[in-house]
Amino acid sequence: MNTIKQSFITIIICLVILTGVNLVYSYGPPPGSPPDCPIDYPGCATPINVSTTAQTFVGSKILKVGSLGNGSLGINGALTVNGLGIFNSNVGIGTTNPGTKLDVNGNISLGSRIFPGALGTESGYSLVHFKGGTDTAGGIVRASKGTDDLANAPLRFEASSFTFGGNVNVGGNVSANQFCLPGANPTGGCISAWPTGGGYWTLSGANIYNTNTGNVGIGTAGPAATLDVARGTASSGTAVFRGTNNWSHFNYSTSENTYIRGGKPTSGVIINDTASGYVTLATGGGNVGIGTLSPGAKLEVAGQVKITGGSPGNAKVLTSDANGLASWQTVTSGVTRVTNSVYATCGTPYKTSRVSVYCPSGKKVISCELSQSNLVPKYFYNFFYIDSGISAYGVNSIYTYRVTSGSNEGCELEVNLSYPSLCGLNWYVEATCL
């Protein structure tokens, strides 16, 4: 009996000791790292440590919570992962129902950079997509450097194009290069535009106009007129007006002369107004030159003058009324016509025949008329003189004519008989004198 009793007491004491040991090890740190499991005995490692003592899994050990593939891991404190963290499903931060690979319900702070991979193959999807939210004061993207927002932290985009579905607003005072849309070779200039307020250019359909009450300067910072264009150093002048294939220049010369050039050598420069308008030249007291750069009178023409208005005709003279309006008039008194002739003798070699006719003393030549033996006029030459010391000449391959000047003005004709068709004829020269 005593032996049975002692054995029973011994068993009870052993059970109590084992129970205490189990309790100590259940709520205390494990004795060490999980041992390696023998082959064919998976799951034999020490249970997961729930104490404040760090626990290390060595080798190829894995941590499984719940059923494989369907379990969940809840962590109320911090989670530190020094190696790779591989998640085959969606990860939610601040949400229990993540709809994407990473679903964050809250703010994200990045200490460095994000390097996203290539875009997916889904059509219409964006690399970064922001949606929802009711905050109208904040922004979607904000850059800062330390505590200095945007002032020293550039926000840079590099892409072939940007498409904005709404308005683009740049806050603050826009200074040089703060909001810049450069060309192919930017040199510091920027394009800035505002619908109202700071900008002075406004669109009106396909047109653009300036809403500023001041002046516009091109090449000058101090425009003195509504449009002030500085010439600069361009070889084509101040302004170029392009046509289909050529262009004309304005102020092409560098000598400060106003210069207007046509688009090509055969182009004309036309100054015109309405039927009731007018064009005025040299109102400041200067002179007008045609064919000369240094006119010495109000109008100086280097060459012949042809006046088709006022009923021109042979042997008419240009006269003026009391108001200075000139017209061609037939002289009815004081006119003297002097005729002389020469016979063009045929022969070999051909000879040169000359005939002259002179006005009476004190009279001037109004016109010289050339005709053949049938007295049908062939050529007419009209000359006007201001100075009696001027002689006029005309030359072609058939004849040479000359209007002489001096005390006795007249007409002189020299026929070149190298042309057989001219010989055997009488050639007449008639001078109309006044």
Protein backbone atom coordinates (compact mmCIF):
# COMPACT_ATOMS: atom_id res chain seq x y z
CA MET A 1 0.00 0.00 0.00
CA ASN A 2 2.74 2.45 0.93
CA THR A 3 4.56 1.65 -2.31
CA ILE A 4 1.47 2.47 -4.43
CA LYS A 5 0.87 5.69 -2.50
CA GLN A 6 4.47 6.83 -2.93
CA SER A 7 4.34 6.09 -6.66
CA PHE A 8 1.13 8.12 -7.05
CA ILE A 9 2.57 11.08 -5.18
CA THR A 10 5.69 10.93 -7.34
CA ILE A 11 3.57 11.02 -10.51
CA ILE A 12 1.59 14.03 -9.23
CA ILE A 13 4.78 15.93 -8.40
CA CYS A 14 6.22 15.23 -11.85
CA LEU A 15 3.05 16.47 -13.52
CA VAL A 16 3.14 19.70 -11.53
CA ILE A 17 6.80 20.29 -12.40
CA LEU A 18 6.21 19.62 -16.10
CA THR A 19 3.19 21.91 -16.13
CA GLY A 20 5.23 24.73 -14.61
CA VAL A 21 8.04 24.25 -17.07
CA ASN A 22 5.57 24.35 -19.97
CA LEU A 23 4.01 27.54 -18.65
CA VAL A 24 7.40 29.20 -18.32
CA TYR A 25 8.44 28.29 -21.82
CA SER A 26 5.01 29.21 -23.26
CA TYR A 27 5.16 32.84 -22.05
CA GLY A 28 8.91 33.35 -22.13
CA PRO A 29 11.58 33.54 -24.80
CA PRO A 30 12.51 30.39 -26.69
CA PRO A 31 15.75 28.72 -25.77
CA GLY A 32 17.25 29.54 -29.21
CA SER A 33 16.75 29.62 -32.94
CA PRO A 34 14.46 27.01 -34.45
CA PRO A 35 16.43 23.83 -35.10
CA ASP A 36 16.63 22.24 -38.45
CA CYS A 37 13.79 19.83 -39.10
CA PRO A 38 14.61 16.26 -39.97
CA ILE A 39 13.65 15.13 -43.42
CA ASP A 40 9.98 14.13 -43.79
CA TYR A 41 9.08 16.05 -40.58
CA PRO A 42 7.90 19.47 -41.80
CA GLY A 43 6.65 21.98 -39.26
CA CYS A 44 8.84 20.73 -36.43
CA ALA A 45 10.47 24.10 -35.79
CA THR A 46 9.92 26.03 -32.61
CA PRO A 47 6.59 27.94 -32.64
CA ILE A 48 6.66 31.63 -33.59
CA ASN A 49 8.00 33.83 -30.84
CA VAL A 50 5.43 36.18 -29.28
CA SER A 51 7.76 37.71 -26.70
CA THR A 52 9.93 40.83 -26.93
CA THR A 53 12.99 38.73 -27.72
CA ALA A 54 14.07 38.72 -31.36
CA GLN A 55 13.66 35.46 -33.22
CA THR A 56 15.71 34.57 -36.28
CA PHE A 57 14.86 32.06 -38.99
CA VAL A 58 17.99 30.73 -40.62
CA GLY A 59 18.58 28.78 -43.78
CA SER A 60 15.56 28.21 -46.02
CA LYS A 61 12.97 28.43 -43.24
CA ILE A 62 9.61 30.05 -44.02
CA LEU A 63 6.95 31.55 -41.83
CA LYS A 64 3.41 30.31 -42.38
CA VAL A 65 0.38 31.62 -40.57
CA GLY A 66 -2.91 29.86 -41.03
CA SER A 67 -3.63 27.63 -43.98
CA LEU A 68 -1.15 27.81 -46.85
CA GLY A 69 -2.32 30.34 -49.47
CA ASN A 70 -5.44 31.48 -47.59
CA GLY A 71 -4.09 32.75 -44.27
CA SER A 72 -3.74 36.31 -43.06
CA LEU A 73 -1.15 38.06 -40.96
CA GLY A 74 -2.18 40.88 -38.69
CA ILE A 75 0.51 43.15 -37.23
CA ASN A 76 -0.46 45.92 -34.84
CA GLY A 77 3.07 47.25 -34.42
CA ALA A 78 5.97 47.97 -36.74
CA LEU A 79 7.16 45.49 -39.34
CA THR A 80 10.80 45.56 -40.37
CA VAL A 81 11.88 43.59 -43.43
CA ASN A 82 15.61 43.59 -44.11
CA GLY A 83 15.42 41.26 -47.10
CA LEU A 84 13.01 40.90 -49.97
CA GLY A 85 9.28 41.05 -49.33
CA ILE A 86 7.38 39.06 -51.95
CA PHE A 87 3.60 39.34 -52.08
CA ASN A 88 1.72 37.30 -54.66
CA SER A 89 -1.60 39.01 -54.04
CA ASN A 90 -2.70 42.63 -53.50
CA VAL A 91 -1.29 44.66 -50.63
CA GLY A 92 -3.49 47.12 -48.79
CA ILE A 93 -2.26 49.89 -46.48
CA GLY A 94 -5.08 51.49 -44.56
CA THR A 95 -7.62 49.31 -46.33
CA THR A 96 -8.73 45.70 -45.86
CA ASN A 97 -9.91 45.37 -49.43
CA PRO A 98 -7.03 46.37 -51.77
CA GLY A 99 -8.11 46.56 -55.39
CA THR A 100 -4.64 46.79 -56.94
CA LYS A 101 -1.18 45.42 -56.30
CA LEU A 102 -0.66 48.32 -53.88
CA ASP A 103 -3.66 50.17 -52.50
CA VAL A 104 -2.87 52.98 -50.04
CA ASN A 105 -5.66 54.77 -48.21
CA GLY A 106 -3.77 57.79 -46.90
CA ASN A 107 -0.67 59.86 -47.50
CA ILE A 108 2.58 58.49 -48.95
CA SER A 109 5.97 59.99 -48.11
CA LEU A 110 8.93 59.03 -50.30
CA GLY A 111 12.47 59.68 -49.18
CA SER A 112 13.97 58.92 -52.59
CA ARG A 113 12.77 58.14 -56.11
CA ILE A 114 10.34 55.81 -57.84
CA PHE A 115 11.44 53.90 -60.93
CA PRO A 116 8.32 52.47 -62.56
CA GLY A 117 8.65 49.84 -65.22
CA ALA A 118 7.36 50.01 -68.77
CA LEU A 119 3.71 50.72 -69.42
CA GLY A 120 1.44 47.74 -69.70
CA THR A 121 -0.24 46.54 -72.86
CA GLU A 122 -3.73 47.61 -71.78
CA SER A 123 -5.01 50.32 -74.13
CA GLY A 124 -6.00 53.57 -72.47
CA TYR A 125 -4.36 52.88 -69.09
CA SER A 126 -2.06 55.40 -67.44
CA LEU A 127 1.18 54.81 -65.58
CA VAL A 128 -0.10 56.88 -62.64
CA HIS A 129 -3.82 57.41 -62.08
CA PHE A 130 -5.26 59.73 -59.41
CA LYS A 131 -8.98 59.79 -58.83
CA GLY A 132 -11.56 60.71 -56.24
CA GLY A 133 -11.08 63.18 -53.41
CA THR A 134 -12.96 66.32 -52.44
CA ASP A 135 -10.06 68.63 -51.55
CA THR A 136 -10.07 71.62 -53.94
CA ALA A 137 -7.32 73.56 -52.18
CA GLY A 138 -4.53 71.00 -52.40
CA GLY A 139 -2.82 69.60 -55.46
CA ILE A 140 -2.16 66.21 -56.95
CA VAL A 141 1.61 66.61 -57.26
CA ARG A 142 3.70 68.81 -55.00
CA ALA A 143 7.48 69.20 -54.92
CA SER A 144 9.54 70.58 -52.07
CA LYS A 145 13.12 70.77 -50.94
CA GLY A 146 13.37 70.67 -47.19
CA THR A 147 10.81 73.13 -45.86
CA ASP A 148 11.02 75.38 -48.94
CA ASP A 149 8.12 74.35 -51.16
CA LEU A 150 8.74 74.67 -54.91
CA ALA A 151 11.18 77.58 -54.54
CA ASN A 152 14.29 75.44 -54.95
CA ALA A 153 12.82 72.13 -56.06
CA PRO A 154 12.23 71.84 -59.81
CA LEU A 155 9.37 69.72 -61.12
CA ARG A 156 10.46 68.25 -64.44
CA PHE A 157 8.54 66.29 -67.05
CA GLU A 158 10.17 64.60 -70.02
CA ALA A 159 7.84 63.27 -72.68
CA SER A 160 7.05 63.79 -76.35
CA SER A 161 3.79 65.55 -75.51
CA PHE A 162 1.48 66.51 -72.68
CA THR A 163 -2.30 66.61 -72.84
CA PHE A 164 -4.28 68.61 -70.29
CA GLY A 165 -8.03 68.09 -70.16
CA GLY A 166 -8.59 71.18 -68.02
CA ASN A 167 -6.92 74.48 -67.26
CA VAL A 168 -3.22 74.91 -66.47
CA ASN A 169 -2.63 77.37 -63.65
CA VAL A 170 0.76 78.68 -62.51
CA GLY A 171 0.42 80.35 -59.16
CA GLY A 172 2.45 83.25 -57.86
CA ASN A 173 4.25 85.87 -59.90
CA VAL A 174 5.57 84.39 -63.13
CA SER A 175 9.16 85.50 -63.65
CA ALA A 176 11.80 84.57 -66.19
CA ASN A 177 11.87 80.81 -66.85
CA GLN A 178 9.36 80.04 -64.09
CA PHE A 179 6.85 78.90 -66.69
CA CYS A 180 8.63 78.52 -69.99
CA LEU A 181 7.57 77.08 -73.33
CA PRO A 182 10.78 77.31 -75.40
CA GLY A 183 11.32 76.64 -79.09
CA ALA A 184 13.72 74.20 -80.71
CA ASN A 185 16.77 76.16 -79.54
CA PRO A 186 15.74 78.04 -76.39
CA THR A 187 17.81 81.08 -75.49
CA GLY A 188 15.99 82.04 -72.31
CA GLY A 189 12.83 83.49 -73.83
CA CYS A 190 9.49 82.16 -72.69
CA ILE A 191 5.88 82.32 -73.77
CA SER A 192 3.38 83.38 -71.13
CA ALA A 193 -0.35 83.85 -71.56
CA TRP A 194 -3.25 84.82 -69.31
CA PRO A 195 -6.95 85.10 -70.23
CA THR A 196 -7.18 88.42 -68.36
CA GLY A 197 -4.99 90.51 -66.12
CA GLY A 198 -1.28 90.08 -66.62
CA GLY A 199 -1.34 89.16 -70.33
CA TYR A 200 -1.86 91.63 -73.14
CA TRP A 201 -2.59 89.31 -76.07
CA THR A 202 -6.11 87.95 -76.55
CA LEU A 203 -7.46 85.52 -79.11
CA SER A 204 -10.46 86.48 -81.22
CA GLY A 205 -11.32 83.53 -83.42
CA ALA A 206 -8.30 82.95 -85.66
CA ASN A 207 -6.93 86.43 -84.84
CA ILE A 208 -4.87 87.79 -81.96
CA TYR A 209 -4.87 91.37 -80.75
CA ASN A 210 -3.14 93.45 -78.10
CA THR A 211 -5.28 94.67 -75.21
CA ASN A 212 -2.61 96.87 -73.68
CA THR A 213 -3.26 100.62 -73.72
CA GLY A 214 0.44 101.31 -74.28
CA ASN A 215 2.75 100.69 -77.22
CA VAL A 216 4.26 97.54 -78.73
CA GLY A 217 7.99 97.39 -79.33
CA ILE A 218 9.87 94.93 -81.54
CA GLY A 219 13.59 95.10 -80.93
CA THR A 220 13.19 97.99 -78.50
CA ALA A 221 12.22 98.14 -74.83
CA GLY A 222 10.95 101.71 -75.08
CA PRO A 223 8.47 101.89 -78.00
CA ALA A 224 7.59 105.47 -78.92
CA ALA A 225 4.55 104.66 -81.07
CA THR A 226 1.70 102.16 -81.21
CA LEU A 227 4.12 99.89 -83.11
CA ASP A 228 7.83 100.64 -82.86
CA VAL A 229 10.13 98.36 -84.87
CA ALA A 230 13.90 98.68 -84.48
CA ARG A 231 15.91 97.87 -87.58
CA GLY A 232 18.57 95.73 -85.93
CA THR A 233 21.42 94.28 -87.99
CA ALA A 234 19.50 92.00 -90.36
CA SER A 235 20.65 92.24 -93.98
CA SER A 236 17.07 92.27 -95.25
CA GLY A 237 16.14 95.50 -93.46
CA THR A 238 13.55 96.35 -90.86
CA ALA A 239 10.66 94.36 -92.31
CA VAL A 240 10.22 91.60 -94.87
CA PHE A 241 6.88 90.99 -96.57
CA ARG A 242 6.73 87.56 -98.14
CA GLY A 243 4.84 86.73 -101.29
CA THR A 244 4.38 83.40 -103.02
CA ASN A 245 8.01 82.94 -104.06
CA ASN A 246 9.74 86.25 -103.25
CA TRP A 247 9.60 89.00 -100.68
CA SER A 248 9.94 92.76 -100.54
CA HIS A 249 11.98 94.76 -98.04
CA PHE A 250 11.32 97.93 -96.08
CA ASN A 251 14.25 100.13 -95.01
CA TYR A 252 16.72 97.81 -96.66
CA SER A 253 19.52 100.39 -96.64
CA THR A 254 21.80 100.88 -93.63
CA SER A 255 22.16 104.63 -94.37
CA GLU A 256 18.93 105.45 -92.51
CA ASN A 257 17.12 106.16 -95.79
CA THR A 258 13.62 104.79 -96.13
CA TYR A 259 13.95 102.11 -98.77
CA ILE A 260 11.16 100.06 -100.33
CA ARG A 261 12.16 97.26 -102.63
CA GLY A 262 9.96 95.10 -104.84
CA GLY A 263 9.87 91.35 -104.57
CA LYS A 264 11.87 90.63 -107.76
CA PRO A 265 13.63 92.63 -110.52
CA THR A 266 10.41 92.93 -112.57
CA SER A 267 8.22 93.86 -109.60
CA GLY A 268 6.75 97.32 -109.26
CA VAL A 269 6.23 99.48 -106.19
CA ILE A 270 2.75 101.02 -106.30
CA ILE A 271 1.66 103.90 -104.09
CA ASN A 272 -2.06 104.36 -104.42
CA ASP A 273 -5.11 105.68 -102.67
CA THR A 274 -8.83 105.85 -103.38
CA ALA A 275 -10.22 107.96 -106.21
CA SER A 276 -10.90 110.83 -103.82
CA GLY A 277 -7.62 110.46 -101.94
CA TYR A 278 -4.18 111.81 -102.72
CA VAL A 279 -0.48 111.01 -102.36
CA THR A 280 1.82 113.83 -101.23
CA LEU A 281 5.60 113.86 -101.59
CA ALA A 282 8.27 116.10 -100.04
CA THR A 283 5.95 118.24 -97.94
CA GLY A 284 8.84 119.04 -95.61
CA GLY A 285 10.63 121.15 -98.19
CA GLY A 286 12.74 118.50 -99.92
CA ASN A 287 13.00 117.64 -103.59
CA VAL A 288 11.80 114.69 -105.66
CA GLY A 289 14.18 112.94 -108.01
CA ILE A 290 13.34 110.45 -110.74
CA GLY A 291 16.42 108.59 -111.90
CA THR A 292 18.67 110.62 -109.62
CA LEU A 293 19.61 110.38 -105.93
CA SER A 294 20.39 114.08 -105.60
CA PRO A 295 17.59 116.17 -107.13
CA GLY A 296 18.38 119.88 -107.33
CA ALA A 297 14.81 121.07 -107.87
CA LYS A 298 11.35 120.25 -106.65
CA LEU A 299 11.19 117.73 -109.48
CA GLU A 300 14.26 116.57 -111.35
CA VAL A 301 14.00 113.87 -113.99
CA ALA A 302 17.12 112.20 -115.33
CA GLY A 303 15.75 111.23 -118.74
CA GLN A 304 12.91 112.07 -121.08
CA VAL A 305 9.51 113.08 -119.82
CA LYS A 306 6.36 111.67 -121.34
CA ILE A 307 3.09 113.38 -120.55
CA THR A 308 0.05 111.57 -121.90
CA GLY A 309 -2.56 113.73 -120.25
CA GLY A 310 -3.94 117.00 -121.61
CA SER A 311 -4.53 115.87 -125.24
CA PRO A 312 -0.97 115.46 -126.57
CA GLY A 313 -0.31 115.70 -130.29
CA ASN A 314 2.37 116.43 -132.86
CA ALA A 315 3.76 119.96 -132.82
CA LYS A 316 1.70 120.85 -129.76
CA VAL A 317 3.25 122.76 -126.91
CA LEU A 318 2.74 122.35 -123.19
CA THR A 319 1.13 125.46 -121.75
CA SER A 320 -0.26 126.40 -118.37
CA ASP A 321 -3.40 128.16 -117.22
CA ALA A 322 -3.59 130.73 -114.43
CA ASN A 323 -3.67 127.99 -111.78
CA GLY A 324 -0.60 126.19 -113.09
CA LEU A 325 -2.53 123.33 -114.73
CA ALA A 326 -0.63 122.27 -117.87
CA SER A 327 -2.09 120.94 -121.10
CA TRP A 328 -1.05 120.35 -124.69
CA GLN A 329 -2.11 123.14 -127.05
CA THR A 330 -1.82 123.62 -130.80
CA VAL A 331 0.12 126.76 -131.54
CA THR A 332 -1.84 128.97 -133.94
CA SER A 333 0.49 131.94 -134.15
CA GLY A 334 4.20 132.42 -134.19
CA VAL A 335 4.90 128.93 -135.51
CA THR A 336 7.43 128.44 -138.27
CA ARG A 337 7.97 125.17 -140.09
CA VAL A 338 11.22 124.68 -141.94
CA THR A 339 11.72 121.75 -144.31
CA ASN A 340 14.78 120.37 -146.04
CA SER A 341 15.42 117.13 -147.89
CA VAL A 342 18.17 114.88 -149.13
CA TYR A 343 18.16 112.26 -151.88
CA ALA A 344 19.64 108.93 -150.86
CA THR A 345 21.80 107.96 -153.85
CA CYS A 346 22.19 104.27 -154.52
CA GLY A 347 25.59 102.89 -155.29
CA THR A 348 28.49 100.82 -154.13
CA PRO A 349 29.78 101.54 -151.63
CA TYR A 350 26.75 103.10 -150.09
CA LYS A 351 27.10 106.66 -148.99
CA THR A 352 25.86 108.48 -145.94
CA SER A 353 23.49 111.36 -146.65
CA ARG A 354 22.91 114.17 -144.21
CA VAL A 355 20.30 116.90 -144.18
CA SER A 356 19.85 119.73 -141.72
CA VAL A 357 17.15 122.29 -141.11
CA TYR A 358 17.33 125.26 -138.77
CA CYS A 359 14.81 127.54 -137.16
CA PRO A 360 14.92 131.29 -137.72
CA SER A 361 17.05 133.23 -135.30
CA GLY A 362 15.51 133.50 -131.83
CA LYS A 363 13.08 130.61 -132.29
CA LYS A 364 13.30 127.21 -130.64
CA VAL A 365 12.61 123.79 -131.99
CA ILE A 366 9.28 122.36 -130.89
CA SER A 367 9.48 119.14 -132.90
CA CYS A 368 11.34 117.42 -135.70
CA GLU A 369 9.43 115.37 -138.25
CA LEU A 370 11.02 112.77 -140.52
CA SER A 371 9.29 111.54 -143.68
CA GLN A 372 10.05 109.88 -147.01
CA SER A 373 9.36 111.15 -150.53
CA ASN A 374 5.64 110.47 -150.25
CA LEU A 375 5.56 112.85 -147.28
CA VAL A 376 3.99 110.15 -145.07
CA PRO A 377 5.45 110.68 -141.58
CA LYS A 378 7.50 107.78 -140.36
CA TYR A 379 9.06 109.03 -137.14
CA PHE A 380 8.27 111.90 -134.81
CA TYR A 381 10.56 113.36 -132.17
CA ASN A 382 9.51 116.05 -129.71
CA PHE A 383 12.05 117.80 -127.46
CA PHE A 384 11.59 120.45 -124.79
CA TYR A 385 14.34 122.75 -123.66
CA ILE A 386 14.98 124.77 -120.58
CA ASP A 387 18.49 125.80 -121.51
CA SER A 388 19.57 126.72 -125.03
CA GLY A 389 22.87 124.96 -124.42
CA ILE A 390 21.35 121.47 -124.48
CA SER A 391 21.63 119.18 -127.49
CA ALA A 392 19.57 116.03 -127.92
CA TYR A 393 20.63 112.96 -129.86
CA GLY A 394 18.91 109.83 -131.10
CA VAL A 395 20.64 106.90 -132.76
CA ASN A 396 19.57 103.61 -134.31
CA SER A 397 20.99 101.37 -137.03
CA ILE A 398 19.28 103.26 -139.88
CA TYR A 399 19.65 106.94 -139.10
CA THR A 400 21.00 109.45 -136.65
CA TYR A 401 19.13 112.61 -135.76
CA ARG A 402 20.23 115.55 -133.71
CA VAL A 403 18.55 118.65 -132.47
CA THR A 404 21.10 121.41 -132.36
CA SER A 405 21.01 124.31 -129.98
CA GLY A 406 22.40 127.79 -129.90
CA SER A 407 21.45 130.95 -131.77
CA ASN A 408 19.84 128.87 -134.51
CA GLU A 409 18.23 125.66 -133.30
CA GLY A 410 17.31 123.04 -135.81
CA CYS A 411 17.06 119.38 -136.73
CA GLU A 412 19.78 117.36 -138.36
CA LEU A 413 19.29 113.95 -140.00
CA GLU A 414 21.95 111.53 -141.15
CA VAL A 415 20.76 108.49 -143.11
CA ASN A 416 22.93 105.37 -143.20
CA LEU A 417 22.82 104.14 -146.77
CA SER A 418 24.20 100.73 -145.80
CA TYR A 419 20.60 99.65 -146.13
CA PRO A 420 19.68 99.34 -149.86
CA SER A 421 16.02 99.83 -149.11
CA LEU A 422 16.76 103.44 -148.12
CA CYS A 423 18.42 104.52 -151.36
CA GLY A 424 16.55 106.05 -154.25
CA LEU A 425 14.29 108.02 -151.93
CA ASN A 426 13.98 111.59 -150.83
CA TRP A 427 14.23 112.04 -147.08
CA TYR A 428 12.57 115.09 -145.59
CA VAL A 429 13.21 116.76 -142.28
CA GLU A 430 10.75 119.33 -141.02
CA ALA A 431 11.38 121.48 -137.97
CA THR A 432 8.55 123.19 -136.16
CA CYS A 433 9.84 126.34 -134.53
CA LEU A 434 8.27 128.76 -132.06
